[in-house]
N, C-alpha and C. Protein backbone atom coordinates (compact mmCIF):
# COMPACT_ATOMS: atom_id res chain seq x y z
N UNK A 1 94.39 -2.62 -19.34
CA UNK A 1 93.65 -1.43 -19.04
C UNK A 1 92.34 -1.45 -19.81
N UNK A 2 91.22 -1.30 -19.13
CA UNK A 2 89.90 -1.37 -19.75
C UNK A 2 89.39 0.03 -20.09
N UNK A 3 88.58 0.10 -21.14
CA UNK A 3 87.94 1.36 -21.49
C UNK A 3 86.58 1.06 -22.12
N UNK A 4 85.69 2.04 -22.03
CA UNK A 4 84.38 1.93 -22.64
C UNK A 4 84.09 3.21 -23.42
N UNK A 5 83.22 3.09 -24.39
CA UNK A 5 82.86 4.24 -25.20
C UNK A 5 81.49 3.97 -25.81
N UNK A 6 80.64 4.98 -25.79
CA UNK A 6 79.34 4.87 -26.41
C UNK A 6 79.18 6.04 -27.38
N UNK A 7 78.32 5.82 -28.37
CA UNK A 7 78.06 6.91 -29.29
C UNK A 7 77.01 6.52 -30.30
N UNK A 8 76.68 7.48 -31.13
CA UNK A 8 75.74 7.21 -32.21
C UNK A 8 76.05 8.15 -33.36
N UNK A 9 75.66 7.71 -34.54
CA UNK A 9 75.86 8.50 -35.75
C UNK A 9 74.66 8.25 -36.66
N UNK A 10 74.19 9.32 -37.34
CA UNK A 10 73.12 9.16 -38.30
C UNK A 10 73.75 9.05 -39.69
N UNK A 11 73.39 8.00 -40.39
CA UNK A 11 73.97 7.72 -41.70
C UNK A 11 72.94 7.99 -42.80
N UNK A 12 73.38 8.50 -43.95
CA UNK A 12 72.47 8.91 -45.02
C UNK A 12 72.04 7.76 -45.92
N UNK A 13 71.56 6.67 -45.32
CA UNK A 13 71.13 5.51 -46.11
C UNK A 13 70.09 4.74 -45.31
N UNK A 14 69.30 3.92 -46.02
CA UNK A 14 68.29 3.12 -45.31
C UNK A 14 68.98 1.99 -44.54
N UNK A 15 68.24 1.39 -43.62
CA UNK A 15 68.80 0.40 -42.71
C UNK A 15 69.37 -0.82 -43.46
N UNK A 16 68.69 -1.28 -44.51
CA UNK A 16 69.18 -2.45 -45.26
C UNK A 16 70.53 -2.15 -45.91
N UNK A 17 70.70 -0.93 -46.42
CA UNK A 17 71.96 -0.54 -47.04
C UNK A 17 73.07 -0.45 -45.99
N UNK A 18 72.76 0.13 -44.83
CA UNK A 18 73.75 0.23 -43.75
C UNK A 18 74.14 -1.17 -43.28
N UNK A 19 73.16 -2.05 -43.11
CA UNK A 19 73.43 -3.43 -42.68
C UNK A 19 74.36 -4.12 -43.67
N UNK A 20 74.06 -4.00 -44.96
CA UNK A 20 74.90 -4.63 -45.98
C UNK A 20 76.33 -4.09 -45.91
N UNK A 21 76.47 -2.77 -45.72
CA UNK A 21 77.80 -2.16 -45.64
C UNK A 21 78.57 -2.64 -44.41
N UNK A 22 77.86 -2.82 -43.29
CA UNK A 22 78.50 -3.29 -42.06
C UNK A 22 79.02 -4.72 -42.19
N UNK A 23 78.55 -5.43 -43.21
CA UNK A 23 78.95 -6.82 -43.42
C UNK A 23 79.80 -6.98 -44.67
N UNK A 24 80.21 -5.87 -45.28
CA UNK A 24 80.99 -5.90 -46.51
C UNK A 24 82.46 -5.62 -46.17
N UNK A 25 83.35 -6.61 -46.37
CA UNK A 25 84.75 -6.40 -45.99
C UNK A 25 85.43 -5.24 -46.72
N UNK A 26 85.03 -4.97 -47.97
CA UNK A 26 85.65 -3.86 -48.70
C UNK A 26 85.27 -2.52 -48.09
N UNK A 27 84.00 -2.37 -47.71
CA UNK A 27 83.54 -1.13 -47.08
C UNK A 27 84.21 -0.97 -45.71
N UNK A 28 84.27 -2.05 -44.93
CA UNK A 28 84.89 -1.98 -43.61
C UNK A 28 86.38 -1.63 -43.73
N UNK A 29 87.08 -2.27 -44.67
CA UNK A 29 88.51 -2.00 -44.85
C UNK A 29 88.73 -0.52 -45.18
N UNK A 30 87.87 0.03 -46.06
CA UNK A 30 88.01 1.44 -46.44
C UNK A 30 87.65 2.38 -45.29
N UNK A 31 86.85 1.90 -44.33
CA UNK A 31 86.40 2.74 -43.22
C UNK A 31 87.33 2.70 -42.01
N UNK A 32 87.99 1.58 -41.79
CA UNK A 32 88.82 1.40 -40.60
C UNK A 32 90.14 2.14 -40.76
N UNK A 33 90.43 3.11 -39.89
CA UNK A 33 91.70 3.86 -39.99
C UNK A 33 92.90 2.92 -39.87
N UNK A 34 93.83 3.03 -40.80
CA UNK A 34 95.06 2.23 -40.74
C UNK A 34 94.91 0.80 -41.20
N UNK A 35 93.73 0.39 -41.65
CA UNK A 35 93.51 -1.00 -42.05
C UNK A 35 94.29 -1.29 -43.34
N UNK A 36 95.12 -2.32 -43.28
CA UNK A 36 95.90 -2.72 -44.45
C UNK A 36 95.28 -3.93 -45.12
N UNK A 37 94.70 -4.84 -44.32
CA UNK A 37 94.07 -6.04 -44.86
C UNK A 37 92.84 -6.36 -44.03
N UNK A 38 91.81 -6.82 -44.71
CA UNK A 38 90.63 -7.34 -44.03
C UNK A 38 90.10 -8.46 -44.91
N UNK A 39 90.31 -9.68 -44.49
CA UNK A 39 89.96 -10.85 -45.28
C UNK A 39 88.80 -11.58 -44.61
N UNK A 40 87.77 -11.87 -45.41
CA UNK A 40 86.61 -12.60 -44.91
C UNK A 40 86.95 -14.08 -44.87
N UNK A 41 86.87 -14.69 -43.68
CA UNK A 41 87.17 -16.10 -43.50
C UNK A 41 85.89 -16.93 -43.61
N UNK A 42 84.80 -16.38 -43.06
CA UNK A 42 83.48 -17.01 -43.14
C UNK A 42 82.45 -15.89 -43.06
N UNK A 43 81.17 -16.24 -43.02
CA UNK A 43 80.13 -15.22 -42.93
C UNK A 43 80.23 -14.40 -41.65
N UNK A 44 80.90 -14.93 -40.63
CA UNK A 44 80.96 -14.22 -39.35
C UNK A 44 82.39 -14.00 -38.84
N UNK A 45 83.41 -14.29 -39.67
CA UNK A 45 84.79 -14.14 -39.21
C UNK A 45 85.66 -13.45 -40.25
N UNK A 46 86.56 -12.59 -39.75
CA UNK A 46 87.50 -11.87 -40.59
C UNK A 46 88.88 -11.95 -39.96
N UNK A 47 89.93 -11.84 -40.79
CA UNK A 47 91.29 -11.65 -40.32
C UNK A 47 91.66 -10.22 -40.72
N UNK A 48 92.33 -9.50 -39.82
CA UNK A 48 92.63 -8.10 -40.10
C UNK A 48 94.07 -7.77 -39.74
N UNK A 49 94.61 -6.77 -40.47
CA UNK A 49 95.90 -6.18 -40.16
C UNK A 49 95.71 -4.67 -40.23
N UNK A 50 96.09 -3.97 -39.17
CA UNK A 50 95.93 -2.51 -39.13
C UNK A 50 97.15 -1.89 -38.47
N UNK A 51 97.57 -0.77 -39.03
CA UNK A 51 98.68 0.02 -38.46
C UNK A 51 98.06 1.12 -37.63
N UNK A 52 98.44 1.19 -36.36
CA UNK A 52 97.90 2.25 -35.50
C UNK A 52 99.04 2.94 -34.77
N UNK A 53 98.74 4.14 -34.31
CA UNK A 53 99.69 4.82 -33.44
C UNK A 53 98.94 5.46 -32.29
N UNK A 54 99.50 5.26 -31.11
CA UNK A 54 98.95 5.83 -29.89
C UNK A 54 100.10 6.60 -29.26
N UNK A 55 100.02 7.92 -29.35
CA UNK A 55 101.14 8.73 -28.86
C UNK A 55 102.42 8.31 -29.57
N UNK A 56 103.47 8.02 -28.81
CA UNK A 56 104.75 7.67 -29.43
C UNK A 56 104.83 6.21 -29.90
N UNK A 57 103.82 5.41 -29.58
CA UNK A 57 103.87 3.98 -29.92
C UNK A 57 103.14 3.74 -31.24
N UNK A 58 103.89 3.18 -32.20
CA UNK A 58 103.32 2.82 -33.50
C UNK A 58 103.48 1.32 -33.66
N UNK A 59 102.42 0.66 -34.13
CA UNK A 59 102.49 -0.79 -34.26
C UNK A 59 101.54 -1.28 -35.33
N UNK A 60 101.84 -2.46 -35.84
CA UNK A 60 100.94 -3.15 -36.75
C UNK A 60 100.30 -4.28 -35.96
N UNK A 61 98.98 -4.22 -35.87
CA UNK A 61 98.24 -5.24 -35.15
C UNK A 61 97.66 -6.24 -36.13
N UNK A 62 97.76 -7.52 -35.78
CA UNK A 62 97.17 -8.59 -36.58
C UNK A 62 96.25 -9.38 -35.66
N UNK A 63 95.06 -9.70 -36.18
CA UNK A 63 94.16 -10.47 -35.34
C UNK A 63 92.89 -10.86 -36.05
N UNK A 64 91.99 -11.41 -35.26
CA UNK A 64 90.72 -11.88 -35.79
C UNK A 64 89.56 -11.05 -35.31
N UNK A 65 88.51 -11.03 -36.12
CA UNK A 65 87.28 -10.32 -35.81
C UNK A 65 86.13 -11.29 -36.03
N UNK A 66 85.18 -11.31 -35.09
CA UNK A 66 84.03 -12.20 -35.20
C UNK A 66 82.74 -11.43 -34.99
N UNK A 67 81.70 -11.82 -35.72
CA UNK A 67 80.37 -11.25 -35.56
C UNK A 67 79.50 -12.27 -34.84
N UNK A 68 78.70 -11.79 -33.87
CA UNK A 68 77.80 -12.69 -33.14
C UNK A 68 76.51 -11.94 -32.83
N UNK A 69 75.56 -12.63 -32.24
CA UNK A 69 74.26 -12.04 -31.90
C UNK A 69 73.65 -11.35 -33.11
N UNK A 70 73.80 -11.95 -34.29
CA UNK A 70 73.29 -11.34 -35.52
C UNK A 70 71.77 -11.23 -35.49
N UNK A 71 71.29 -10.03 -35.81
CA UNK A 71 69.86 -9.75 -35.86
C UNK A 71 69.61 -8.84 -37.08
N UNK A 72 69.75 -9.41 -38.30
CA UNK A 72 69.62 -8.60 -39.51
C UNK A 72 68.23 -7.99 -39.66
N UNK A 73 68.07 -6.76 -40.08
CA UNK A 73 69.08 -5.72 -40.27
C UNK A 73 69.13 -4.77 -39.07
N UNK A 74 68.99 -5.31 -37.87
CA UNK A 74 68.89 -4.47 -36.67
C UNK A 74 70.19 -4.28 -35.90
N UNK A 75 71.13 -5.23 -36.01
CA UNK A 75 72.37 -5.06 -35.28
C UNK A 75 73.11 -6.36 -35.06
N UNK A 76 74.26 -6.25 -34.39
CA UNK A 76 75.08 -7.40 -34.04
C UNK A 76 76.11 -7.00 -33.01
N UNK A 77 76.86 -8.00 -32.55
CA UNK A 77 78.01 -7.75 -31.70
C UNK A 77 79.24 -8.09 -32.52
N UNK A 78 80.20 -7.19 -32.54
CA UNK A 78 81.46 -7.43 -33.24
C UNK A 78 82.56 -7.46 -32.18
N UNK A 79 83.40 -8.48 -32.23
CA UNK A 79 84.47 -8.58 -31.24
C UNK A 79 85.74 -9.04 -31.93
N UNK A 80 86.85 -8.69 -31.31
CA UNK A 80 88.12 -9.08 -31.90
C UNK A 80 89.25 -8.92 -30.93
N UNK A 81 90.38 -9.49 -31.34
CA UNK A 81 91.59 -9.30 -30.57
C UNK A 81 92.78 -9.36 -31.50
N UNK A 82 93.81 -8.61 -31.14
CA UNK A 82 94.99 -8.56 -31.99
C UNK A 82 96.25 -8.39 -31.19
N UNK A 83 97.34 -8.78 -31.82
CA UNK A 83 98.67 -8.66 -31.22
C UNK A 83 99.46 -7.60 -31.99
N UNK A 84 100.14 -6.75 -31.25
CA UNK A 84 100.95 -5.70 -31.87
C UNK A 84 102.41 -5.82 -31.54
N UNK A 85 102.89 -7.05 -31.34
CA UNK A 85 104.30 -7.26 -31.02
C UNK A 85 104.67 -6.60 -29.72
N UNK A 86 105.81 -5.89 -29.70
CA UNK A 86 106.29 -5.26 -28.48
C UNK A 86 105.34 -4.16 -27.98
N UNK A 87 104.50 -3.63 -28.87
CA UNK A 87 103.56 -2.58 -28.46
C UNK A 87 102.48 -3.12 -27.53
N UNK A 88 102.18 -4.41 -27.64
CA UNK A 88 101.18 -4.99 -26.75
C UNK A 88 100.05 -5.66 -27.50
N UNK A 89 98.91 -5.71 -26.85
CA UNK A 89 97.75 -6.39 -27.41
C UNK A 89 96.50 -5.56 -27.16
N UNK A 90 95.47 -5.89 -27.92
CA UNK A 90 94.18 -5.23 -27.75
C UNK A 90 93.09 -6.26 -27.99
N UNK A 91 92.01 -6.17 -27.22
CA UNK A 91 90.84 -7.00 -27.49
C UNK A 91 89.62 -6.26 -26.99
N UNK A 92 88.52 -6.56 -27.62
CA UNK A 92 87.30 -5.89 -27.22
C UNK A 92 86.16 -6.20 -28.15
N UNK A 93 85.08 -5.47 -27.97
CA UNK A 93 83.91 -5.69 -28.79
C UNK A 93 82.99 -4.50 -28.74
N UNK A 94 82.02 -4.53 -29.64
CA UNK A 94 81.03 -3.46 -29.70
C UNK A 94 79.68 -4.04 -30.03
N UNK A 95 78.67 -3.58 -29.32
CA UNK A 95 77.29 -3.89 -29.68
C UNK A 95 76.85 -2.77 -30.61
N UNK A 96 76.31 -3.14 -31.76
CA UNK A 96 75.89 -2.18 -32.77
C UNK A 96 74.39 -2.36 -33.01
N UNK A 97 73.65 -1.25 -32.95
CA UNK A 97 72.20 -1.30 -33.18
C UNK A 97 71.83 -0.28 -34.24
N UNK A 98 70.94 -0.67 -35.14
CA UNK A 98 70.48 0.22 -36.20
C UNK A 98 69.01 0.56 -35.99
N UNK A 99 68.67 1.85 -36.12
CA UNK A 99 67.29 2.32 -36.00
C UNK A 99 66.97 3.22 -37.19
N UNK A 100 65.73 3.11 -37.69
CA UNK A 100 65.28 4.02 -38.75
C UNK A 100 65.05 5.40 -38.16
N UNK A 101 65.55 6.42 -38.85
CA UNK A 101 65.28 7.82 -38.48
C UNK A 101 65.02 8.58 -39.78
N UNK A 102 64.43 9.76 -39.64
CA UNK A 102 64.16 10.56 -40.83
C UNK A 102 65.49 10.89 -41.52
N UNK A 103 65.56 10.62 -42.81
CA UNK A 103 66.76 10.92 -43.57
C UNK A 103 67.82 9.83 -43.56
N UNK A 104 67.53 8.69 -42.92
CA UNK A 104 68.54 7.63 -42.93
C UNK A 104 68.39 6.63 -41.80
N UNK A 105 69.54 6.28 -41.25
CA UNK A 105 69.61 5.25 -40.21
C UNK A 105 70.51 5.74 -39.09
N UNK A 106 70.06 5.54 -37.85
CA UNK A 106 70.91 5.85 -36.69
C UNK A 106 71.63 4.57 -36.29
N UNK A 107 72.96 4.65 -36.18
CA UNK A 107 73.77 3.55 -35.71
C UNK A 107 74.22 3.90 -34.30
N UNK A 108 73.88 3.06 -33.34
CA UNK A 108 74.25 3.26 -31.94
C UNK A 108 75.29 2.19 -31.59
N UNK A 109 76.39 2.61 -30.96
CA UNK A 109 77.42 1.64 -30.59
C UNK A 109 77.79 1.77 -29.12
N UNK A 110 78.16 0.63 -28.55
CA UNK A 110 78.58 0.54 -27.16
C UNK A 110 79.82 -0.35 -27.15
N UNK A 111 80.98 0.25 -26.89
CA UNK A 111 82.27 -0.44 -27.02
C UNK A 111 82.88 -0.73 -25.66
N UNK A 112 83.45 -1.91 -25.52
CA UNK A 112 84.28 -2.27 -24.37
C UNK A 112 85.57 -2.83 -24.92
N UNK A 113 86.71 -2.32 -24.43
CA UNK A 113 88.00 -2.79 -24.94
C UNK A 113 89.02 -2.86 -23.82
N UNK A 114 90.02 -3.68 -24.04
CA UNK A 114 91.15 -3.80 -23.13
C UNK A 114 92.44 -3.74 -23.95
N UNK A 115 93.44 -3.08 -23.40
CA UNK A 115 94.76 -3.07 -24.02
C UNK A 115 95.78 -3.43 -22.96
N UNK A 116 96.88 -4.00 -23.42
CA UNK A 116 97.96 -4.37 -22.51
C UNK A 116 99.30 -4.17 -23.18
N UNK A 117 100.34 -4.24 -22.38
CA UNK A 117 101.69 -4.06 -22.92
C UNK A 117 102.09 -2.59 -22.89
N UNK A 118 102.99 -2.23 -23.80
CA UNK A 118 103.54 -0.88 -23.85
C UNK A 118 102.43 0.17 -24.03
N UNK A 119 101.42 -0.14 -24.84
CA UNK A 119 100.32 0.81 -25.07
C UNK A 119 99.61 1.14 -23.76
N UNK A 120 99.37 0.14 -22.93
CA UNK A 120 98.65 0.36 -21.67
C UNK A 120 99.41 1.30 -20.73
N UNK A 121 100.72 1.36 -20.87
CA UNK A 121 101.54 2.21 -20.01
C UNK A 121 101.42 3.70 -20.34
N UNK A 122 100.78 4.02 -21.48
CA UNK A 122 100.67 5.42 -21.90
C UNK A 122 99.64 6.20 -21.09
N UNK A 123 98.72 5.50 -20.46
CA UNK A 123 97.73 6.19 -19.63
C UNK A 123 96.37 6.27 -20.29
N UNK A 124 95.37 6.24 -19.44
CA UNK A 124 93.98 6.19 -19.87
C UNK A 124 93.52 7.37 -20.70
N UNK A 125 93.92 8.59 -20.32
CA UNK A 125 93.44 9.77 -21.05
C UNK A 125 93.91 9.75 -22.49
N UNK A 126 95.18 9.43 -22.71
CA UNK A 126 95.71 9.38 -24.07
C UNK A 126 95.03 8.27 -24.87
N UNK A 127 94.92 7.09 -24.29
CA UNK A 127 94.32 5.96 -24.99
C UNK A 127 92.85 6.23 -25.32
N UNK A 128 92.09 6.75 -24.36
CA UNK A 128 90.69 7.06 -24.63
C UNK A 128 90.54 8.12 -25.71
N UNK A 129 91.41 9.12 -25.70
CA UNK A 129 91.38 10.16 -26.73
C UNK A 129 91.65 9.60 -28.12
N UNK A 130 92.64 8.73 -28.21
CA UNK A 130 92.98 8.11 -29.49
C UNK A 130 91.85 7.18 -29.94
N UNK A 131 91.27 6.42 -29.01
CA UNK A 131 90.16 5.53 -29.35
C UNK A 131 88.98 6.32 -29.90
N UNK A 132 88.67 7.45 -29.27
CA UNK A 132 87.58 8.29 -29.76
C UNK A 132 87.90 8.84 -31.15
N UNK A 133 89.15 9.26 -31.36
CA UNK A 133 89.56 9.77 -32.67
C UNK A 133 89.39 8.70 -33.74
N UNK A 134 89.83 7.47 -33.45
CA UNK A 134 89.69 6.38 -34.41
C UNK A 134 88.22 6.06 -34.67
N UNK A 135 87.39 6.06 -33.64
CA UNK A 135 85.95 5.80 -33.82
C UNK A 135 85.32 6.89 -34.69
N UNK A 136 85.64 8.16 -34.41
CA UNK A 136 85.11 9.27 -35.21
C UNK A 136 85.55 9.15 -36.67
N UNK A 137 86.81 8.78 -36.87
CA UNK A 137 87.34 8.63 -38.22
C UNK A 137 86.65 7.48 -38.95
N UNK A 138 86.46 6.35 -38.25
CA UNK A 138 85.76 5.21 -38.85
C UNK A 138 84.37 5.63 -39.31
N UNK A 139 83.58 6.25 -38.41
CA UNK A 139 82.21 6.59 -38.77
C UNK A 139 82.15 7.70 -39.82
N UNK A 140 83.12 8.60 -39.82
CA UNK A 140 83.20 9.61 -40.87
C UNK A 140 83.44 8.96 -42.23
N UNK A 141 84.39 8.02 -42.29
CA UNK A 141 84.68 7.30 -43.53
C UNK A 141 83.48 6.48 -43.97
N UNK A 142 82.85 5.79 -43.01
CA UNK A 142 81.70 4.93 -43.29
C UNK A 142 80.54 5.76 -43.84
N UNK A 143 80.27 6.90 -43.22
CA UNK A 143 79.18 7.77 -43.68
C UNK A 143 79.48 8.32 -45.08
N UNK A 144 80.73 8.64 -45.34
CA UNK A 144 81.12 9.16 -46.66
C UNK A 144 80.87 8.10 -47.74
N UNK A 145 81.22 6.86 -47.45
CA UNK A 145 80.99 5.76 -48.41
C UNK A 145 79.50 5.59 -48.68
N UNK A 146 78.67 5.78 -47.65
CA UNK A 146 77.23 5.59 -47.80
C UNK A 146 76.50 6.81 -48.35
N UNK A 147 77.18 7.94 -48.46
CA UNK A 147 76.50 9.15 -48.92
C UNK A 147 76.14 9.03 -50.39
N UNK A 148 75.01 9.61 -50.81
CA UNK A 148 74.56 9.50 -52.19
C UNK A 148 75.60 9.98 -53.21
N UNK A 149 76.39 11.02 -52.88
CA UNK A 149 77.39 11.52 -53.81
C UNK A 149 78.46 10.46 -54.10
N UNK A 150 78.88 9.73 -53.05
CA UNK A 150 79.89 8.68 -53.22
C UNK A 150 79.33 7.53 -54.02
N UNK A 151 78.08 7.13 -53.72
CA UNK A 151 77.47 5.99 -54.39
C UNK A 151 77.33 6.24 -55.88
N UNK A 152 77.08 7.48 -56.27
CA UNK A 152 76.89 7.82 -57.67
C UNK A 152 78.23 7.85 -58.44
N UNK A 153 79.31 8.08 -57.71
CA UNK A 153 80.62 8.23 -58.37
C UNK A 153 81.17 6.92 -58.91
């Protein structure tokens, strides 16, 4: 089952700081909902483990993440795929673009993803709702890490 999602968020930091954070495994691990492990394999590859729940289905997904189309500090494409055992599989990617705006940086994202297995049987409305919730949570966590109050702590 395929889904798409677009959005943008204004972050309280300059573009170079946002770019560095987008490439920092510790920041990403702290931002990704349910992320248990995020290990940097190379400058453009990570291995990840995340626990997610979609409606009644709860699973631990393990998989790889790769960065491509790198254009520092303007954006990149991030893609990955993971297996969640009996729950199914997920794969997809996002184009991420950074723009300077007053008071910080605007991050624009365009996501395409596919899921299969038991998760796909739950229906598009539920899956899209959960995907949006996870995206909102990720960007909320990411913005909090980049906020001046957090940086000073």
